[in-house]
Amino acid sequence: MADSVAEHIAALNDSDWGVREDAASALGTFQDPRSVQPLIRALKDSDRAVRMAATASLTAIGEPAVLPLGHSLQDLDLNVQEIAASILVTIGDTRVVDPLIAALLNPNWIVRSHAAKALGKIGDPRAIETLILLLQDKVPAVRDDAGAAIAALGEASIPPLLLLLQDSDWKVRLHAVEALALLKHQAAVEPLLTLMTNDPDTAVKQDAIRALGEIGDRRAVNALLSILDHPTLKTPAITALGKIGDAEALPTLTKIINGLVTKSYEGRMAACEDNLYQEDLPPVEAAVKALAQIGDAGAIPTLQQALKSTLIRVEAADALTHFGKQAVSPLVAMYKTETDDNIRFHVKETLTRLGWRPGQIRL
């Protein structure tokens, strides 16, 4: 009896690329483990169609191909590394976790990207420490895939990440915080609050604040309000309060906005050269945006007042549009009573963004 698998394996060496392609495709239908290594060798074929056929067949064979493909992640041929990693994304087998973790540090960014995807699909928390390193990868696609993999790991990655918050290396703590921000798990709130208050590194504190904003747990509100007197933490804390969206922050945010003294900026040098613009104005801008995120209609009068300031007018107009119809009547009233034509122009422009059209509301 003829051995069809053996015949097709032999055909992988034919001088005709069409014959090799047909053989590579056929071997996928047999799903015989004997064809795995020959198909892996075919990944180095000079013809792209043959390589694609071999890739499809190895994917179809599945489980028997896993370990050999894991070894291929170390192949001297970069193309083979890339293809092996891409196939393992589809198969997703726990037996190749260690080779995939090693592949996260591969100099080829495509291999790193595929390895991250595969590990996210497999869901083994052993990958977390290496995955967080990729959050700082120079290639945006790799950073995105690492972030998605961490998010896919879910609760399984929380315990090792919380341990990393205590690492002596500030960069490790920073990366762990970034990962926790992606996961948005409430178990991280208390540890992040401790880090925000006690960590010796400002960058870690700032990232902990950002993570608390991403998680959005109201338990963080009072702690965030308590650090607003720290210049380096103020703006991130305000931004986090906006993302959490608790109305408890409204009085403080309103006070920050109302405390802006526009006259202090008159006659000063360009914004890019003036510390007042770099240090004092950003918290006010962040507070305006935070009011929009919180979405309490009680903030509308504050934002109307902010429209009068050239310093935060753009932010105020953007914020008012978040309130929709709730902001229309107050702005119409403002337009009718305001005497400054420049301010009236910006009020009318904001109304237009809210859906006002001439003839619908008489101004």
Protein backbone atom coordinates (compact mmCIF):
# COMPACT_ATOMS: atom_id res chain seq x y z
CA MET A 1 0.00 0.00 0.00
CA ALA A 2 1.33 3.43 -0.92
CA ASP A 3 2.28 5.75 1.90
CA SER A 4 0.73 9.06 0.82
CA VAL A 5 2.27 11.02 3.70
CA ALA A 6 5.76 9.81 2.84
CA GLU A 7 5.19 10.59 -0.83
CA HIS A 8 4.13 14.16 -0.06
CA ILE A 9 7.03 14.62 2.32
CA ALA A 10 9.39 13.57 -0.48
CA ALA A 11 7.63 15.99 -2.83
CA LEU A 12 8.63 18.88 -0.56
CA ASN A 13 12.09 18.55 -2.15
CA ASP A 14 10.85 18.67 -5.75
CA SER A 15 12.48 21.24 -8.04
CA ASP A 16 9.06 22.55 -9.08
CA TRP A 17 7.71 25.05 -6.54
CA GLY A 18 4.15 24.17 -7.57
CA VAL A 19 4.69 20.56 -6.64
CA ARG A 20 6.21 21.61 -3.31
CA GLU A 21 3.26 23.89 -2.60
CA ASP A 22 0.71 21.18 -3.35
CA ALA A 23 2.62 18.72 -1.15
CA ALA A 24 2.81 21.17 1.74
CA SER A 25 -0.93 21.84 1.49
CA ALA A 26 -1.82 18.15 1.29
CA LEU A 27 0.17 17.29 4.40
CA GLY A 28 -2.10 19.50 6.45
CA THR A 29 -5.09 17.35 5.51
CA PHE A 30 -3.39 14.14 6.70
CA GLN A 31 -2.43 15.70 10.07
CA ASP A 32 0.29 13.08 10.46
CA PRO A 33 2.98 13.94 13.08
CA ARG A 34 5.66 12.63 10.69
CA SER A 35 5.15 15.68 8.48
CA VAL A 36 5.85 18.26 11.21
CA GLN A 37 9.63 18.49 10.88
CA PRO A 38 9.58 18.41 7.05
CA LEU A 39 6.99 21.20 7.07
CA ILE A 40 9.11 23.23 9.47
CA ARG A 41 12.02 22.83 7.06
CA ALA A 42 9.67 24.01 4.31
CA LEU A 43 9.30 27.30 6.19
CA LYS A 44 12.73 28.10 4.75
CA ASP A 45 11.62 27.40 1.18
CA SER A 46 12.68 30.00 -1.37
CA ASP A 47 9.09 30.33 -2.61
CA ARG A 48 6.58 32.33 -0.58
CA ALA A 49 3.62 30.17 -1.66
CA VAL A 50 5.34 27.07 -0.29
CA ARG A 51 6.07 28.78 3.00
CA MET A 52 2.45 29.89 3.30
CA ALA A 53 1.19 26.37 2.55
CA ALA A 54 3.56 24.90 5.16
CA THR A 55 2.37 27.47 7.69
CA ALA A 56 -1.27 26.60 7.09
CA SER A 57 -0.58 22.86 7.38
CA LEU A 58 1.39 23.19 10.62
CA THR A 59 -1.48 25.21 12.04
CA ALA A 60 -3.94 22.51 10.95
CA ILE A 61 -1.81 19.74 12.46
CA GLY A 62 -1.93 21.57 15.79
CA GLU A 63 -0.89 19.78 18.95
CA PRO A 64 1.82 17.47 17.46
CA ALA A 65 3.53 20.56 16.01
CA VAL A 66 3.65 22.54 19.23
CA LEU A 67 6.96 21.42 20.74
CA PRO A 68 8.89 21.48 17.45
CA LEU A 69 7.54 24.96 16.78
CA GLY A 70 8.66 25.97 20.26
CA HIS A 71 12.19 24.89 19.36
CA SER A 72 11.90 26.82 16.10
CA LEU A 73 11.58 30.06 18.06
CA GLN A 74 15.37 29.78 18.40
CA ASP A 75 16.01 28.98 14.74
CA LEU A 76 18.81 30.93 13.10
CA ASP A 77 16.41 31.92 10.31
CA LEU A 78 14.43 34.95 11.48
CA ASN A 79 11.65 34.15 9.06
CA VAL A 80 11.19 30.74 10.68
CA GLN A 81 11.09 32.37 14.12
CA GLU A 82 8.36 34.75 12.98
CA ILE A 83 6.23 32.03 11.39
CA ALA A 84 6.65 29.66 14.35
CA ALA A 85 5.55 32.39 16.75
CA SER A 86 2.55 33.30 14.59
CA ILE A 87 1.39 29.65 14.45
CA LEU A 88 1.71 29.31 18.22
CA VAL A 89 -0.61 32.30 18.60
CA THR A 90 -3.30 30.24 16.90
CA ILE A 91 -2.59 26.94 18.67
CA GLY A 92 -1.98 28.35 22.17
CA ASP A 93 -0.46 25.43 24.10
CA THR A 94 0.90 25.61 27.66
CA ARG A 95 3.84 23.34 26.84
CA VAL A 96 5.63 26.15 25.03
CA VAL A 97 5.21 28.84 27.69
CA ASP A 98 8.91 28.90 28.54
CA PRO A 99 10.10 29.24 24.91
CA LEU A 100 7.50 31.93 24.33
CA ILE A 101 8.62 33.86 27.41
CA ALA A 102 12.18 33.70 26.09
CA ALA A 103 10.89 34.89 22.72
CA LEU A 104 9.53 38.05 24.38
CA LEU A 105 13.14 39.21 24.49
CA ASN A 106 13.87 38.30 20.87
CA PRO A 107 15.64 41.09 18.92
CA ASN A 108 13.02 40.67 16.17
CA TRP A 109 9.98 42.79 17.10
CA ILE A 110 7.61 40.61 15.08
CA VAL A 111 8.63 37.58 17.15
CA ARG A 112 8.15 39.59 20.36
CA SER A 113 4.72 40.67 19.20
CA HIS A 114 3.55 37.16 18.29
CA ALA A 115 4.98 35.73 21.51
CA ALA A 116 3.02 38.28 23.55
CA LYS A 117 -0.18 37.40 21.70
CA ALA A 118 0.39 33.68 22.23
CA LEU A 119 1.06 34.09 25.95
CA GLY A 120 -2.04 36.21 26.32
CA LYS A 121 -4.07 33.42 24.75
CA ILE A 122 -2.45 30.72 26.91
CA GLY A 123 -2.98 32.75 30.07
CA ASP A 124 -0.06 31.52 32.17
CA PRO A 125 0.86 34.06 34.89
CA ARG A 126 4.53 33.04 34.70
CA ALA A 127 4.76 35.36 31.71
CA ILE A 128 3.75 38.50 33.58
CA GLU A 129 7.21 39.69 34.71
CA THR A 130 8.61 39.58 31.18
CA LEU A 131 5.44 40.97 29.60
CA ILE A 132 5.57 44.09 31.73
CA LEU A 133 9.05 44.82 30.38
CA LEU A 134 7.50 45.09 26.93
CA LEU A 135 5.27 47.93 28.08
CA GLN A 136 8.34 50.07 27.41
CA ASP A 137 9.22 48.43 24.09
CA LYS A 138 10.42 50.81 21.39
CA VAL A 139 7.85 49.39 18.93
CA PRO A 140 4.27 50.60 19.57
CA ALA A 141 2.71 47.38 18.23
CA VAL A 142 4.71 45.31 20.72
CA ARG A 143 3.63 47.58 23.58
CA ASP A 144 0.01 47.18 22.52
CA ASP A 145 0.26 43.39 22.24
CA ALA A 146 1.99 43.14 25.63
CA GLY A 147 -0.72 45.28 27.20
CA ALA A 148 -3.44 43.16 25.62
CA ALA A 149 -1.71 39.99 26.86
CA ILE A 150 -1.51 41.32 30.41
CA ALA A 151 -5.17 42.26 30.29
CA ALA A 152 -6.01 38.79 28.95
CA LEU A 153 -4.20 37.18 31.88
CA GLY A 154 -6.76 38.81 34.16
CA GLU A 155 -6.91 37.93 37.84
CA ALA A 156 -4.18 35.33 37.51
CA SER A 157 -1.62 38.11 37.07
CA ILE A 158 -2.73 40.20 40.06
CA PRO A 159 -0.75 38.39 42.84
CA PRO A 160 2.63 38.51 41.02
CA LEU A 161 2.05 42.14 40.06
CA LEU A 162 1.26 43.13 43.64
CA LEU A 163 4.50 41.49 44.73
CA LEU A 164 6.40 43.50 42.13
CA LEU A 165 5.09 46.71 43.70
CA GLN A 166 7.51 45.99 46.54
CA ASP A 167 10.55 45.47 44.31
CA SER A 168 13.64 47.51 45.17
CA ASP A 169 14.01 48.64 41.53
CA TRP A 170 11.79 51.66 40.84
CA LYS A 171 11.50 50.71 37.17
CA VAL A 172 10.05 47.33 38.07
CA ARG A 173 7.52 49.00 40.38
CA LEU A 174 6.66 51.49 37.63
CA HIS A 175 6.01 48.74 35.08
CA ALA A 176 3.94 46.77 37.57
CA VAL A 177 1.77 49.83 38.17
CA GLU A 178 1.26 50.26 34.42
CA ALA A 179 0.17 46.65 34.16
CA LEU A 180 -2.29 47.04 37.03
CA ALA A 181 -3.74 50.06 35.28
CA LEU A 182 -4.46 47.88 32.26
CA LEU A 183 -6.14 45.23 34.41
CA LYS A 184 -8.31 47.76 36.31
CA HIS A 185 -8.83 45.32 39.17
CA GLN A 186 -10.15 46.58 42.50
CA ALA A 187 -7.70 44.38 44.42
CA ALA A 188 -4.98 46.82 43.37
CA VAL A 189 -6.61 49.92 44.88
CA GLU A 190 -5.22 49.71 48.43
CA PRO A 191 -1.67 48.75 47.36
CA LEU A 192 -1.68 51.59 44.83
CA LEU A 193 -2.87 54.06 47.45
CA THR A 194 0.02 52.98 49.67
CA LEU A 195 2.44 53.39 46.78
CA MET A 196 1.01 56.81 45.92
CA THR A 197 1.67 57.98 49.46
CA ASN A 198 4.89 56.24 50.41
CA ASP A 199 6.95 55.40 47.33
CA PRO A 200 10.28 57.26 47.27
CA ASP A 201 10.12 57.80 43.50
CA THR A 202 7.93 60.57 42.07
CA ALA A 203 7.41 58.81 38.74
CA VAL A 204 6.05 55.74 40.53
CA LYS A 205 3.72 57.91 42.61
CA GLN A 206 2.43 59.65 39.50
CA ASP A 207 1.84 56.36 37.74
CA ALA A 208 0.04 54.97 40.78
CA ILE A 209 -2.28 57.97 40.63
CA ARG A 210 -2.95 57.40 36.94
CA ALA A 211 -3.66 53.72 37.63
CA LEU A 212 -6.16 54.64 40.34
CA GLY A 213 -7.92 56.85 37.82
CA GLU A 214 -8.07 54.01 35.30
CA ILE A 215 -9.48 51.61 37.91
CA GLY A 216 -12.09 54.20 38.85
CA ASP A 217 -12.74 53.05 42.42
CA ARG A 218 -14.27 55.73 44.67
CA ARG A 219 -12.20 54.56 47.63
CA ALA A 220 -9.35 56.59 46.13
CA VAL A 221 -11.18 59.94 46.11
CA ASN A 222 -10.30 61.19 49.60
CA ALA A 223 -6.67 60.14 49.26
CA LEU A 224 -6.41 61.93 45.91
CA LEU A 225 -7.95 65.08 47.34
CA SER A 226 -5.43 64.99 50.17
CA ILE A 227 -2.39 65.20 47.87
CA LEU A 228 -3.47 68.22 45.83
CA ASP A 229 -0.97 70.40 47.71
CA HIS A 230 1.91 68.43 46.17
CA PRO A 231 2.98 70.28 42.99
CA THR A 232 4.29 67.20 41.19
CA LEU A 233 1.19 65.13 42.00
CA LYS A 234 -1.54 67.74 41.67
CA THR A 235 -2.33 67.51 37.96
CA PRO A 236 -2.27 63.68 37.79
CA ALA A 237 -4.51 63.56 40.89
CA ILE A 238 -7.02 65.95 39.35
CA THR A 239 -7.06 63.92 36.15
CA ALA A 240 -7.65 60.74 38.18
CA LEU A 241 -10.51 62.37 40.06
CA GLY A 242 -12.15 63.19 36.77
CA LYS A 243 -11.87 59.60 35.58
CA ILE A 244 -13.31 58.26 38.82
CA GLY A 245 -16.22 60.63 38.37
CA ASP A 246 -17.29 61.12 42.00
CA ALA A 247 -19.17 64.36 42.69
CA GLU A 248 -17.41 64.60 46.06
CA ALA A 249 -14.51 66.20 44.18
CA LEU A 250 -16.65 69.01 42.71
CA PRO A 251 -16.09 71.65 45.44
CA THR A 252 -12.32 71.24 45.31
CA LEU A 253 -12.18 71.26 41.52
CA THR A 254 -14.43 74.32 41.38
CA LYS A 255 -12.17 76.13 43.82
CA ILE A 256 -9.12 75.35 41.67
CA ILE A 257 -10.81 76.78 38.57
CA ASN A 258 -12.18 79.85 40.31
CA GLY A 259 -8.77 80.49 41.81
CA LEU A 260 -7.28 81.20 38.39
CA VAL A 261 -6.25 84.87 38.27
CA THR A 262 -6.19 85.78 34.59
CA LYS A 263 -4.51 89.12 35.23
CA SER A 264 -1.44 87.31 36.55
CA TYR A 265 -0.72 86.18 32.99
CA GLU A 266 -1.05 89.57 31.33
CA GLY A 267 2.15 90.91 29.78
CA ARG A 268 4.09 87.74 30.47
CA MET A 269 6.43 86.00 28.02
CA ALA A 270 5.42 83.14 25.73
CA ALA A 271 3.88 80.12 27.43
CA CYS A 272 6.71 77.79 26.45
CA GLU A 273 9.18 79.98 28.33
CA ASP A 274 7.17 80.80 31.44
CA ASN A 275 6.98 78.62 34.55
CA LEU A 276 3.58 80.06 35.42
CA TYR A 277 2.14 78.45 32.32
CA GLN A 278 4.04 75.21 32.88
CA GLU A 279 3.22 74.75 36.57
CA ASP A 280 0.13 76.74 37.56
CA LEU A 281 -2.09 76.47 34.49
CA PRO A 282 -2.10 72.67 33.86
CA PRO A 283 -3.96 71.83 37.10
CA VAL A 284 -6.67 74.33 36.20
CA GLU A 285 -7.01 72.87 32.69
CA ALA A 286 -7.16 69.38 34.20
CA ALA A 287 -9.86 70.52 36.66
CA VAL A 288 -12.00 71.84 33.81
CA LYS A 289 -11.74 68.53 31.97
CA ALA A 290 -12.48 66.65 35.21
CA LEU A 291 -15.74 68.54 35.70
CA ALA A 292 -16.84 67.37 32.26
CA GLN A 293 -16.00 63.75 33.12
CA ILE A 294 -17.86 63.88 36.42
CA GLY A 295 -20.86 65.21 34.54
CA ASP A 296 -22.71 66.89 37.41
CA ALA A 297 -24.86 69.73 36.08
CA GLY A 298 -23.90 71.77 39.13
CA ALA A 299 -20.56 72.40 37.42
CA ILE A 300 -22.11 74.27 34.47
CA PRO A 301 -21.99 77.76 36.08
CA THR A 302 -18.28 77.28 36.85
CA LEU A 303 -17.61 76.29 33.26
CA GLN A 304 -19.62 79.24 31.97
CA GLN A 305 -17.43 81.53 34.02
CA ALA A 306 -14.36 79.76 32.67
CA LEU A 307 -15.50 80.61 29.14
CA LYS A 308 -14.66 84.23 29.94
CA SER A 309 -10.97 83.43 30.42
CA THR A 310 -8.79 83.29 27.32
CA LEU A 311 -6.50 80.92 29.23
CA ILE A 312 -9.00 78.08 29.63
CA ARG A 313 -11.74 79.01 27.15
CA VAL A 314 -11.06 76.10 24.81
CA GLU A 315 -11.14 73.57 27.65
CA ALA A 316 -14.29 75.14 29.09
CA ALA A 317 -16.10 75.00 25.75
CA ASP A 318 -15.11 71.36 25.29
CA ALA A 319 -16.29 70.55 28.81
CA LEU A 320 -19.68 72.22 28.31
CA THR A 321 -20.37 70.14 25.24
CA HIS A 322 -20.27 67.04 27.44
CA PHE A 323 -23.41 68.21 29.24
CA GLY A 324 -25.55 68.22 26.10
CA LYS A 325 -29.00 69.76 26.44
CA GLN A 326 -28.42 70.56 30.12
CA ALA A 327 -25.98 73.29 29.10
CA VAL A 328 -28.15 74.91 26.41
CA SER A 329 -30.50 77.01 28.55
CA PRO A 330 -27.76 78.40 30.84
CA LEU A 331 -25.67 79.33 27.78
CA VAL A 332 -28.62 80.98 26.05
CA ALA A 333 -29.21 83.05 29.17
CA MET A 334 -25.52 83.93 29.29
CA TYR A 335 -25.55 85.01 25.67
CA LYS A 336 -28.49 87.33 26.27
CA THR A 337 -26.94 89.04 29.29
CA GLU A 338 -23.26 89.15 28.33
CA THR A 339 -22.04 92.52 27.05
CA ASP A 340 -18.59 91.49 25.82
CA ASP A 341 -18.91 90.66 22.12
CA ASN A 342 -15.86 88.39 22.19
CA ILE A 343 -17.32 86.28 24.99
CA ARG A 344 -20.72 86.27 23.25
CA PHE A 345 -19.02 84.89 20.14
CA HIS A 346 -17.54 81.96 22.07
CA VAL A 347 -20.82 81.29 23.88
CA LYS A 348 -22.60 81.15 20.54
CA GLU A 349 -19.90 78.88 19.13
CA THR A 350 -20.32 76.51 22.09
CA LEU A 351 -24.08 76.47 21.57
CA THR A 352 -23.53 75.55 17.95
CA ARG A 353 -21.41 72.60 19.04
CA LEU A 354 -24.28 71.56 21.32
CA GLY A 355 -26.59 71.35 18.32
CA TRP A 356 -28.00 74.86 18.19
CA ARG A 357 -28.87 76.08 14.74
CA PRO A 358 -30.19 79.50 13.66
CA GLY A 359 -33.98 79.50 13.83
CA GLN A 360 -34.21 76.75 16.44
CA ILE A 361 -33.49 78.96 19.43
CA ARG A 362 -33.80 82.69 19.03
CA LEU A 363 -30.84 84.48 20.58
